[in-house]
C-alpha atoms as a PDB file:
ATOM      1  CA  MET A   1      82.634  77.982 -57.593  1.00  0.00           C
ATOM      2  CA  THR A   2      84.151  81.188 -56.237  1.00  0.00           C
ATOM      3  CA  ALA A   3      87.573  81.807 -54.763  1.00  0.00           C
ATOM      4  CA  ARG A   4      87.848  80.570 -51.212  1.00  0.00           C
ATOM      5  CA  ARG A   5      91.237  81.832 -50.098  1.00  0.00           C
ATOM      6  CA  ARG A   6      93.602  84.304 -51.681  1.00  0.00           C
ATOM      7  CA  PRO A   7      97.303  83.583 -52.114  1.00  0.00           C
ATOM      8  CA  SER A   8      99.804  85.434 -49.987  1.00  0.00           C
ATOM      9  CA  GLN A   9     101.961  88.134 -51.575  1.00  0.00           C
ATOM     10  CA  GLU A  10     104.487  85.433 -52.430  1.00  0.00           C
ATOM     11  CA  PHE A  11     101.886  83.675 -54.566  1.00  0.00           C
ATOM     12  CA  GLN A  12     100.184  86.561 -56.349  1.00  0.00           C
ATOM     13  CA  ASP A  13     100.881  84.925 -59.717  1.00  0.00           C
ATOM     14  CA  MET A  14      98.469  82.167 -58.647  1.00  0.00           C
ATOM     15  CA  GLU A  15      95.533  84.418 -57.902  1.00  0.00           C
ATOM     16  CA  GLY A  16      93.561  82.941 -60.825  1.00  0.00           C
ATOM     17  CA  ILE A  17      93.352  79.604 -58.996  1.00  0.00           C
ATOM     18  CA  LYS A  18      90.132  79.272 -57.007  1.00  0.00           C
ATOM     19  CA  HIS A  19      90.965  76.125 -55.055  1.00  0.00           C
ATOM     20  CA  ILE A  20      94.152  74.216 -54.329  1.00  0.00           C
ATOM     21  CA  VAL A  21      93.534  70.645 -53.206  1.00  0.00           C
ATOM     22  CA  ALA A  22      96.266  68.297 -52.006  1.00  0.00           C
ATOM     23  CA  VAL A  23      95.873  64.585 -52.678  1.00  0.00           C
ATOM     24  CA  ALA A  24      97.970  62.801 -50.080  1.00  0.00           C
ATOM     25  CA  SER A  25      98.724  59.515 -48.380  1.00  0.00           C
ATOM     26  CA  GLY A  26     100.854  58.606 -45.428  1.00  0.00           C
ATOM     27  CA  LYS A  27     102.734  55.954 -47.398  1.00  0.00           C
ATOM     28  CA  GLY A  28     103.546  54.957 -50.953  1.00  0.00           C
ATOM     29  CA  GLY A  29     101.989  52.126 -52.893  1.00  0.00           C
ATOM     30  CA  VAL A  30      98.334  52.925 -52.212  1.00  0.00           C
ATOM     31  CA  GLY A  31      97.580  54.268 -55.706  1.00  0.00           C
ATOM     32  CA  LYS A  32      97.539  57.963 -54.791  1.00  0.00           C
ATOM     33  CA  SER A  33      98.860  59.177 -58.146  1.00  0.00           C
ATOM     34  CA  THR A  34      96.379  57.040 -60.074  1.00  0.00           C
ATOM     35  CA  VAL A  35      93.564  58.436 -57.934  1.00  0.00           C
ATOM     36  CA  THR A  36      94.828  62.002 -58.513  1.00  0.00           C
ATOM     37  CA  ALA A  37      94.953  61.582 -62.290  1.00  0.00           C
ATOM     38  CA  ASN A  38      91.448  60.141 -62.472  1.00  0.00           C
ATOM     39  CA  LEU A  39      90.059  62.702 -60.021  1.00  0.00           C
ATOM     40  CA  ALA A  40      91.467  65.524 -62.179  1.00  0.00           C
ATOM     41  CA  LEU A  41      89.749  64.089 -65.253  1.00  0.00           C
ATOM     42  CA  ALA A  42      86.504  63.538 -63.340  1.00  0.00           C
ATOM     43  CA  LEU A  43      86.494  67.157 -62.130  1.00  0.00           C
ATOM     44  CA  ALA A  44      87.065  68.285 -65.719  1.00  0.00           C
ATOM     45  CA  ALA A  45      84.183  66.068 -66.859  1.00  0.00           C
ATOM     46  CA  GLU A  46      82.011  67.988 -64.382  1.00  0.00           C
ATOM     47  CA  GLY A  47      82.843  71.199 -66.231  1.00  0.00           C
ATOM     48  CA  LEU A  48      85.690  72.571 -64.096  1.00  0.00           C
ATOM     49  CA  LYS A  49      88.983  74.025 -65.314  1.00  0.00           C
ATOM     50  CA  VAL A  50      91.570  71.762 -63.721  1.00  0.00           C
ATOM     51  CA  GLY A  51      95.337  71.784 -63.266  1.00  0.00           C
ATOM     52  CA  LEU A  52      97.553  69.074 -61.794  1.00  0.00           C
ATOM     53  CA  LEU A  53     100.962  69.536 -60.203  1.00  0.00           C
ATOM     54  CA  ASP A  54     103.049  66.394 -59.713  1.00  0.00           C
ATOM     55  CA  ALA A  55     104.825  67.270 -56.461  1.00  0.00           C
ATOM     56  CA  ASP A  56     106.630  63.939 -56.141  1.00  0.00           C
ATOM     57  CA  ILE A  57     110.084  65.249 -57.042  1.00  0.00           C
ATOM     58  CA  TYR A  58     111.844  61.924 -56.476  1.00  0.00           C
ATOM     59  CA  GLY A  59     109.360  59.752 -58.352  1.00  0.00           C
ATOM     60  CA  PRO A  60     107.098  61.750 -60.709  1.00  0.00           C
ATOM     61  CA  SER A  61     104.526  59.594 -62.500  1.00  0.00           C
ATOM     62  CA  GLN A  62     101.842  61.901 -63.886  1.00  0.00           C
ATOM     63  CA  ALA A  63     103.661  62.428 -67.204  1.00  0.00           C
ATOM     64  CA  GLN A  64     103.276  58.751 -68.058  1.00  0.00           C
ATOM     65  CA  MET A  65      99.732  58.553 -66.718  1.00  0.00           C
ATOM     66  CA  PHE A  66      98.682  61.433 -68.971  1.00  0.00           C
ATOM     67  CA  GLY A  67     100.504  60.055 -71.985  1.00  0.00           C
ATOM     68  CA  VAL A  68     102.956  62.956 -72.314  1.00  0.00           C
ATOM     69  CA  PRO A  69     105.773  61.789 -74.622  1.00  0.00           C
ATOM     70  CA  THR A  70     109.149  61.250 -72.988  1.00  0.00           C
ATOM     71  CA  GLY A  71     111.390  64.232 -73.560  1.00  0.00           C
ATOM     72  CA  GLN A  72     108.607  66.764 -74.127  1.00  0.00           C
ATOM     73  CA  ARG A  73     109.529  70.021 -72.421  1.00  0.00           C
ATOM     74  CA  PRO A  74     107.263  72.903 -71.367  1.00  0.00           C
ATOM     75  CA  GLU A  75     107.450  76.089 -73.388  1.00  0.00           C
ATOM     76  CA  MET A  76     108.440  79.350 -71.710  1.00  0.00           C
ATOM     77  CA  ALA A  77     105.606  81.778 -70.975  1.00  0.00           C
ATOM     78  CA  GLY A  78     107.938  84.534 -69.873  1.00  0.00           C
ATOM     79  CA  GLU A  79     111.171  85.018 -67.979  1.00  0.00           C
ATOM     80  CA  GLN A  80     111.582  81.942 -65.738  1.00  0.00           C
ATOM     81  CA  VAL A  81     107.913  81.023 -66.199  1.00  0.00           C
ATOM     82  CA  PHE A  82     106.772  77.740 -67.742  1.00  0.00           C
ATOM     83  CA  SER A  83     103.608  77.040 -69.676  1.00  0.00           C
ATOM     84  CA  PRO A  84     101.953  73.903 -68.301  1.00  0.00           C
ATOM     85  CA  ILE A  85     101.696  70.948 -70.649  1.00  0.00           C
ATOM     86  CA  GLU A  86      98.053  70.238 -71.440  1.00  0.00           C
ATOM     87  CA  ALA A  87      96.997  66.595 -71.692  1.00  0.00           C
ATOM     88  CA  HIS A  88      93.432  65.282 -71.928  1.00  0.00           C
ATOM     89  CA  GLY A  89      92.228  68.811 -71.132  1.00  0.00           C
ATOM     90  CA  ILE A  90      94.246  69.069 -67.892  1.00  0.00           C
ATOM     91  CA  LYS A  91      97.053  71.591 -67.364  1.00  0.00           C
ATOM     92  CA  THR A  92      99.949  69.608 -65.907  1.00  0.00           C
ATOM     93  CA  MET A  93     103.408  70.298 -64.555  1.00  0.00           C
ATOM     94  CA  SER A  94     105.948  67.743 -63.340  1.00  0.00           C
ATOM     95  CA  MET A  95     109.648  67.383 -62.656  1.00  0.00           C
ATOM     96  CA  ALA A  96     109.509  64.664 -65.325  1.00  0.00           C
ATOM     97  CA  TYR A  97     109.173  67.448 -67.914  1.00  0.00           C
ATOM     98  CA  LEU A  98     112.441  69.074 -66.839  1.00  0.00           C
ATOM     99  CA  VAL A  99     114.857  66.165 -66.319  1.00  0.00           C
ATOM    100  CA  ASP A 100     115.534  62.790 -67.878  1.00  0.00           C
ATOM    101  CA  VAL A 101     113.107  60.291 -66.353  1.00  0.00           C
ATOM    102  CA  LYS A 102     115.987  57.859 -65.741  1.00  0.00           C
ATOM    103  CA  ASP A 103     118.036  60.373 -63.741  1.00  0.00           C
ATOM    104  CA  PRO A 104     117.642  59.994 -59.954  1.00  0.00           C
ATOM    105  CA  MET A 105     117.043  63.179 -57.981  1.00  0.00           C
ATOM    106  CA  VAL A 106     119.816  62.936 -55.389  1.00  0.00           C
ATOM    107  CA  TRP A 107     118.739  65.996 -53.437  1.00  0.00           C
ATOM    108  CA  ARG A 108     118.404  66.881 -49.777  1.00  0.00           C
ATOM    109  CA  GLY A 109     115.118  68.051 -48.280  1.00  0.00           C
ATOM    110  CA  PRO A 110     115.575  71.838 -48.708  1.00  0.00           C
ATOM    111  CA  MET A 111     116.439  71.384 -52.382  1.00  0.00           C
ATOM    112  CA  VAL A 112     113.323  69.280 -52.922  1.00  0.00           C
ATOM    113  CA  ALA A 113     111.139  71.860 -51.167  1.00  0.00           C
ATOM    114  CA  GLY A 114     112.691  74.590 -53.301  1.00  0.00           C
ATOM    115  CA  ALA A 115     112.026  72.637 -56.491  1.00  0.00           C
ATOM    116  CA  PHE A 116     108.403  72.172 -55.449  1.00  0.00           C
ATOM    117  CA  GLN A 117     107.955  75.896 -54.886  1.00  0.00           C
ATOM    118  CA  GLN A 118     109.458  76.666 -58.288  1.00  0.00           C
ATOM    119  CA  LEU A 119     107.193  74.204 -60.072  1.00  0.00           C
ATOM    120  CA  LEU A 120     104.190  75.717 -58.326  1.00  0.00           C
ATOM    121  CA  ASN A 121     105.106  79.403 -58.578  1.00  0.00           C
ATOM    122  CA  GLN A 122     106.834  79.485 -61.947  1.00  0.00           C
ATOM    123  CA  THR A 123     104.050  77.812 -63.899  1.00  0.00           C
ATOM    124  CA  ALA A 124     101.568  80.009 -65.757  1.00  0.00           C
ATOM    125  CA  TRP A 125      98.467  78.163 -64.571  1.00  0.00           C
ATOM    126  CA  GLY A 126      96.016  80.833 -65.707  1.00  0.00           C
ATOM    127  CA  GLU A 127      92.397  80.625 -64.582  1.00  0.00           C
ATOM    128  CA  LEU A 128      91.624  77.357 -62.779  1.00  0.00           C
ATOM    129  CA  ASP A 129      88.719  76.165 -60.680  1.00  0.00           C
ATOM    130  CA  VAL A 130      90.871  73.508 -59.010  1.00  0.00           C
ATOM    131  CA  LEU A 131      94.591  72.805 -58.905  1.00  0.00           C
ATOM    132  CA  LEU A 132      95.234  69.274 -57.648  1.00  0.00           C
ATOM    133  CA  ILE A 133      98.629  68.616 -56.095  1.00  0.00           C
ATOM    134  CA  ASP A 134      99.777  64.993 -56.214  1.00  0.00           C
ATOM    135  CA  MET A 135     101.770  64.897 -52.992  1.00  0.00           C
ATOM    136  CA  PRO A 136     104.726  62.608 -52.317  1.00  0.00           C
ATOM    137  CA  PRO A 137     104.282  59.976 -49.592  1.00  0.00           C
ATOM    138  CA  GLY A 138     104.889  60.889 -45.978  1.00  0.00           C
ATOM    139  CA  THR A 139     104.798  64.100 -43.954  1.00  0.00           C
ATOM    140  CA  GLY A 140     108.100  65.738 -44.897  1.00  0.00           C
ATOM    141  CA  ASP A 141     109.483  68.915 -46.413  1.00  0.00           C
ATOM    142  CA  ILE A 142     107.058  69.309 -49.308  1.00  0.00           C
ATOM    143  CA  GLN A 143     104.035  68.747 -47.078  1.00  0.00           C
ATOM    144  CA  LEU A 144     105.273  71.393 -44.640  1.00  0.00           C
ATOM    145  CA  THR A 145     106.073  73.852 -47.428  1.00  0.00           C
ATOM    146  CA  LEU A 146     102.630  73.370 -48.929  1.00  0.00           C
ATOM    147  CA  SER A 147     100.755  73.789 -45.670  1.00  0.00           C
ATOM    148  CA  GLN A 148     102.757  76.794 -44.487  1.00  0.00           C
ATOM    149  CA  LYS A 149     103.106  78.823 -47.688  1.00  0.00           C
ATOM    150  CA  VAL A 150     100.260  77.831 -50.004  1.00  0.00           C
ATOM    151  CA  PRO A 151      96.549  78.682 -49.462  1.00  0.00           C
ATOM    152  CA  VAL A 152      95.267  75.099 -49.561  1.00  0.00           C
ATOM    153  CA  SER A 153      91.481  74.689 -49.661  1.00  0.00           C
ATOM    154  CA  GLY A 154      91.622  71.100 -48.434  1.00  0.00           C
ATOM    155  CA  ALA A 155      93.160  67.660 -48.684  1.00  0.00           C
ATOM    156  CA  VAL A 156      91.936  64.318 -49.990  1.00  0.00           C
ATOM    157  CA  ILE A 157      93.486  61.318 -48.229  1.00  0.00           C
ATOM    158  CA  VAL A 158      94.054  58.094 -50.186  1.00  0.00           C
ATOM    159  CA  THR A 159      94.461  54.806 -48.346  1.00  0.00           C
ATOM    160  CA  THR A 160      93.849  51.097 -48.684  1.00  0.00           C
ATOM    161  CA  PRO A 161      91.892  49.066 -46.117  1.00  0.00           C
ATOM    162  CA  GLN A 162      95.141  47.519 -44.859  1.00  0.00           C
ATOM    163  CA  ASP A 163      95.936  48.340 -41.222  1.00  0.00           C
ATOM    164  CA  ILE A 164      99.474  49.530 -42.019  1.00  0.00           C
ATOM    165  CA  ALA A 165      98.174  51.924 -44.679  1.00  0.00           C
ATOM    166  CA  LEU A 166      95.513  53.207 -42.294  1.00  0.00           C
ATOM    167  CA  LEU A 167      98.110  53.980 -39.621  1.00  0.00           C
ATOM    168  CA  ASP A 168     100.058  56.103 -42.091  1.00  0.00           C
ATOM    169  CA  ALA A 169      96.898  57.744 -43.424  1.00  0.00           C
ATOM    170  CA  GLN A 170      96.069  58.801 -39.870  1.00  0.00           C
ATOM    171  CA  LYS A 171      99.442  60.532 -39.627  1.00  0.00           C
ATOM    172  CA  GLY A 172      98.662  62.415 -42.810  1.00  0.00           C
ATOM    173  CA  ILE A 173      95.285  63.528 -41.500  1.00  0.00           C
ATOM    174  CA  GLU A 174      96.796  64.600 -38.180  1.00  0.00           C
ATOM    175  CA  MET A 175      99.424  66.663 -40.021  1.00  0.00           C
ATOM    176  CA  PHE A 176      96.809  68.532 -42.059  1.00  0.00           C
ATOM    177  CA  ARG A 177      94.722  69.136 -38.946  1.00  0.00           C
ATOM    178  CA  LYS A 178      97.697  70.621 -37.104  1.00  0.00           C
ATOM    179  CA  VAL A 179      98.341  73.105 -39.905  1.00  0.00           C
ATOM    180  CA  LYS A 180      94.629  73.973 -40.197  1.00  0.00           C
ATOM    181  CA  VAL A 181      94.054  72.406 -43.622  1.00  0.00           C
ATOM    182  CA  PRO A 182      90.598  70.790 -43.779  1.00  0.00           C
ATOM    183  CA  VAL A 183      90.393  67.161 -44.850  1.00  0.00           C
ATOM    184  CA  LEU A 184      87.738  66.936 -47.568  1.00  0.00           C
ATOM    185  CA  GLY A 185      87.431  63.181 -47.320  1.00  0.00           C
ATOM    186  CA  VAL A 186      89.007  59.750 -47.638  1.00  0.00           C
ATOM    187  CA  VAL A 187      89.276  57.571 -50.742  1.00  0.00           C
ATOM    188  CA  GLU A 188      89.674  53.859 -50.051  1.00  0.00           C
ATOM    189  CA  ASN A 189      91.600  52.334 -52.942  1.00  0.00           C
ATOM    190  CA  MET A 190      91.938  48.601 -53.683  1.00  0.00           C
ATOM    191  CA  SER A 191      88.822  47.968 -51.633  1.00  0.00           C
ATOM    192  CA  THR A 192      87.736  44.655 -53.162  1.00  0.00           C
ATOM    193  CA  HIS A 193      88.911  42.356 -55.942  1.00  0.00           C
ATOM    194  CA  THR A 194      86.446  40.532 -58.195  1.00  0.00           C
ATOM    195  CA  CYS A 195      87.750  37.493 -60.039  1.00  0.00           C
ATOM    196  CA  SER A 196      87.364  37.909 -63.803  1.00  0.00           C
ATOM    197  CA  GLN A 197      86.862  34.148 -64.180  1.00  0.00           C
ATOM    198  CA  CYS A 198      84.348  33.208 -61.487  1.00  0.00           C
ATOM    199  CA  GLY A 199      83.001  36.589 -60.331  1.00  0.00           C
ATOM    200  CA  HIS A 200      83.896  36.001 -56.668  1.00  0.00           C
ATOM    201  CA  SER A 201      84.639  39.232 -54.756  1.00  0.00           C
ATOM    202  CA  GLU A 202      87.153  39.357 -51.926  1.00  0.00           C
ATOM    203  CA  ALA A 203      88.471  42.126 -49.688  1.00  0.00           C
ATOM    204  CA  VAL A 204      92.150  41.293 -50.218  1.00  0.00           C
ATOM    205  CA  PHE A 205      93.499  44.026 -47.924  1.00  0.00           C
ATOM    206  CA  GLY A 206      90.729  43.899 -45.323  1.00  0.00           C
ATOM    207  CA  ALA A 207      87.371  45.629 -45.125  1.00  0.00           C
ATOM    208  CA  GLY A 208      85.907  48.806 -43.658  1.00  0.00           C
ATOM    209  CA  GLY A 209      89.194  50.606 -43.019  1.00  0.00           C
ATOM    210  CA  GLY A 210      88.373  53.721 -45.001  1.00  0.00           C
ATOM    211  CA  GLU A 211      84.984  53.999 -43.367  1.00  0.00           C
ATOM    212  CA  ARG A 212      86.485  53.681 -39.874  1.00  0.00           C
ATOM    213  CA  ILE A 213      89.115  56.352 -40.413  1.00  0.00           C
ATOM    214  CA  ALA A 214      86.587  58.734 -41.992  1.00  0.00           C
ATOM    215  CA  GLU A 215      84.260  58.273 -39.028  1.00  0.00           C
ATOM    216  CA  GLU A 216      87.071  58.707 -36.509  1.00  0.00           C
ATOM    217  CA  TYR A 217      88.107  62.034 -38.018  1.00  0.00           C
ATOM    218  CA  GLN A 218      84.567  63.193 -38.781  1.00  0.00           C
ATOM    219  CA  THR A 219      85.075  63.441 -42.514  1.00  0.00           C
ATOM    220  CA  ARG A 220      83.590  61.770 -45.591  1.00  0.00           C
ATOM    221  CA  LEU A 221      84.338  58.417 -47.117  1.00  0.00           C
ATOM    222  CA  LEU A 222      84.347  59.762 -50.662  1.00  0.00           C
ATOM    223  CA  GLY A 223      84.463  56.402 -52.383  1.00  0.00           C
ATOM    224  CA  GLN A 224      85.746  52.828 -52.446  1.00  0.00           C
ATOM    225  CA  LEU A 225      87.645  51.814 -55.566  1.00  0.00           C
ATOM    226  CA  PRO A 226      88.090  48.221 -56.678  1.00  0.00           C
ATOM    227  CA  LEU A 227      91.385  46.396 -57.082  1.00  0.00           C
ATOM    228  CA  THR A 228      91.188  45.776 -60.801  1.00  0.00           C
ATOM    229  CA  LEU A 229      93.665  45.246 -63.632  1.00  0.00           C
ATOM    230  CA  SER A 230      92.076  47.838 -65.911  1.00  0.00           C
ATOM    231  CA  ILE A 231      92.870  50.767 -63.590  1.00  0.00           C
ATOM    232  CA  ARG A 232      96.566  49.908 -63.698  1.00  0.00           C
ATOM    233  CA  GLU A 233      96.602  49.184 -67.428  1.00  0.00           C
ATOM    234  CA  ASN A 234      94.806  52.419 -68.310  1.00  0.00           C
ATOM    235  CA  ALA A 235      97.114  54.535 -66.148  1.00  0.00           C
ATOM    236  CA  ASP A 236     100.250  52.884 -67.517  1.00  0.00           C
ATOM    237  CA  GLY A 237      98.927  53.417 -71.031  1.00  0.00           C
ATOM    238  CA  GLY A 238      98.517  57.163 -70.580  1.00  0.00           C
ATOM    239  CA  ARG A 239      94.702  57.101 -70.627  1.00  0.00           C
ATOM    240  CA  PRO A 240      93.318  56.851 -67.079  1.00  0.00           C
ATOM    241  CA  SER A 241      90.043  55.002 -66.582  1.00  0.00           C
ATOM    242  CA  VAL A 242      87.822  58.102 -66.547  1.00  0.00           C
ATOM    243  CA  ILE A 243      88.588  58.733 -70.220  1.00  0.00           C
ATOM    244  CA  ALA A 244      89.575  55.214 -71.305  1.00  0.00           C
ATOM    245  CA  GLU A 245      86.305  53.690 -70.061  1.00  0.00           C
ATOM    246  CA  PRO A 246      84.001  56.669 -69.393  1.00  0.00           C
ATOM    247  CA  GLN A 247      80.897  54.490 -68.996  1.00  0.00           C
ATOM    248  CA  GLY A 248      82.607  51.929 -66.756  1.00  0.00           C
ATOM    249  CA  GLU A 249      82.028  51.440 -63.049  1.00  0.00           C
ATOM    250  CA  VAL A 250      85.451  52.821 -62.142  1.00  0.00           C
ATOM    251  CA  ALA A 251      84.778  56.068 -64.012  1.00  0.00           C
ATOM    252  CA  LYS A 252      81.367  56.364 -62.341  1.00  0.00           C
ATOM    253  CA  CYS A 253      83.029  55.988 -58.946  1.00  0.00           C
ATOM    254  CA  PHE A 254      85.542  58.751 -59.707  1.00  0.00           C
ATOM    255  CA  LEU A 255      82.766  61.029 -60.959  1.00  0.00           C
ATOM    256  CA  SER A 256      80.929  60.462 -57.677  1.00  0.00           C
ATOM    257  CA  ILE A 257      84.099  61.335 -55.749  1.00  0.00           C
ATOM    258  CA  ALA A 258      84.571  64.478 -57.860  1.00  0.00           C
ATOM    259  CA  ARG A 259      81.007  65.664 -57.195  1.00  0.00           C
ATOM    260  CA  GLN A 260      81.494  65.227 -53.452  1.00  0.00           C
ATOM    261  CA  VAL A 261      84.762  67.179 -53.547  1.00  0.00           C
ATOM    262  CA  ILE A 262      83.015  70.009 -55.406  1.00  0.00           C
ATOM    263  CA  GLU A 263      80.129  69.950 -52.929  1.00  0.00           C
ATOM    264  CA  THR A 264      82.492  70.040 -49.943  1.00  0.00           C
ATOM    265  CA  LEU A 265      84.472  72.959 -51.362  1.00  0.00           C
ATOM    266  CA  ASP A 266      81.285  74.904 -52.094  1.00  0.00           C
ATOM    267  CA  THR A 267      79.900  74.161 -48.622  1.00  0.00           C
ATOM    268  CA  ALA A 268      83.116  75.355 -46.987  1.00  0.00           C
ATOM    269  CA  GLU A 269      82.894  78.619 -48.929  1.00  0.00           C
ATOM    270  CA  ALA A 270      79.302  79.165 -47.867  1.00  0.00           C
ATOM    271  CA  ASP A 271      80.160  78.460 -44.214  1.00  0.00           C
ATOM    272  CA  GLU A 272      82.899  81.092 -44.189  1.00  0.00           C
ATOM    273  CA  GLY A 273      80.470  83.908 -44.830  1.00  0.00           C
ATOM    274  CA  PRO A 274      81.409  87.421 -45.992  1.00  0.00           C
ATOM    275  CA  SER A 275      84.479  89.277 -44.854  1.00  0.00           C
ATOM    276  CA  ILE A 276      83.534  92.720 -43.485  1.00  0.00           C
ATOM    277  CA  SER A 277      86.046  95.441 -42.641  1.00  0.00           C
ATOM    278  CA  PHE A 278      85.740  99.017 -41.432  1.00  0.00           C
ATOM    279  CA  SER A 279      88.049 101.924 -42.064  1.00  0.00           C
END
């Protein structure tokens, strides 16, 4: 994978990052952070150097999902520059590393956007193939800051089949389209539930929603994840499913999603063609 877009002058310290990919949803509660954590590990399993920025300033969760001990702080890599905390082979940064997890962030929008920029800019990410950004829900200040100031290669949209979730996911897609950020695909989480006792499968939140929204916006349905207890237990335990159960069906699904993301990024690079200038 080669670099697709170069950072602006403001982001020259990030020039070692080949691709920045936002993982977003229009609303909370659809499992976006769990998907981001597992996608990061799946990309790493495919041989990529991966970083993960937890951009949910109000409710960071990646520290727990990656099993980073409470109270662990990042070391300084220079003046006002943090070294990311590495967990399971992923370079991570989160507001949870800088404040007490029990302290609420009672901040207005501009302060939150400023904190996001600091976490992104003042982290010594080094050489990365992909930096995933676990976005907060909605289409607010952080989303606008990201799309306007950061060279984003694309976005992955996480939704459930539920109609309400799909409506909000559409808003997220429309936002990225307006700011010229390509949508790499849609992940439908909590697609079906299979009873552990009788084996009966049921689409608890409805069926076909992810496929419909992907077709409507001419993008990929990257995968459909089951509603299963193990995904939640593994994430809460600090070992997401891709590493906790690497041979399981959930891990295989995330690996498939990761391969499609890689393929889409590579295809986009090839479509851009060379940049030729004359002097």
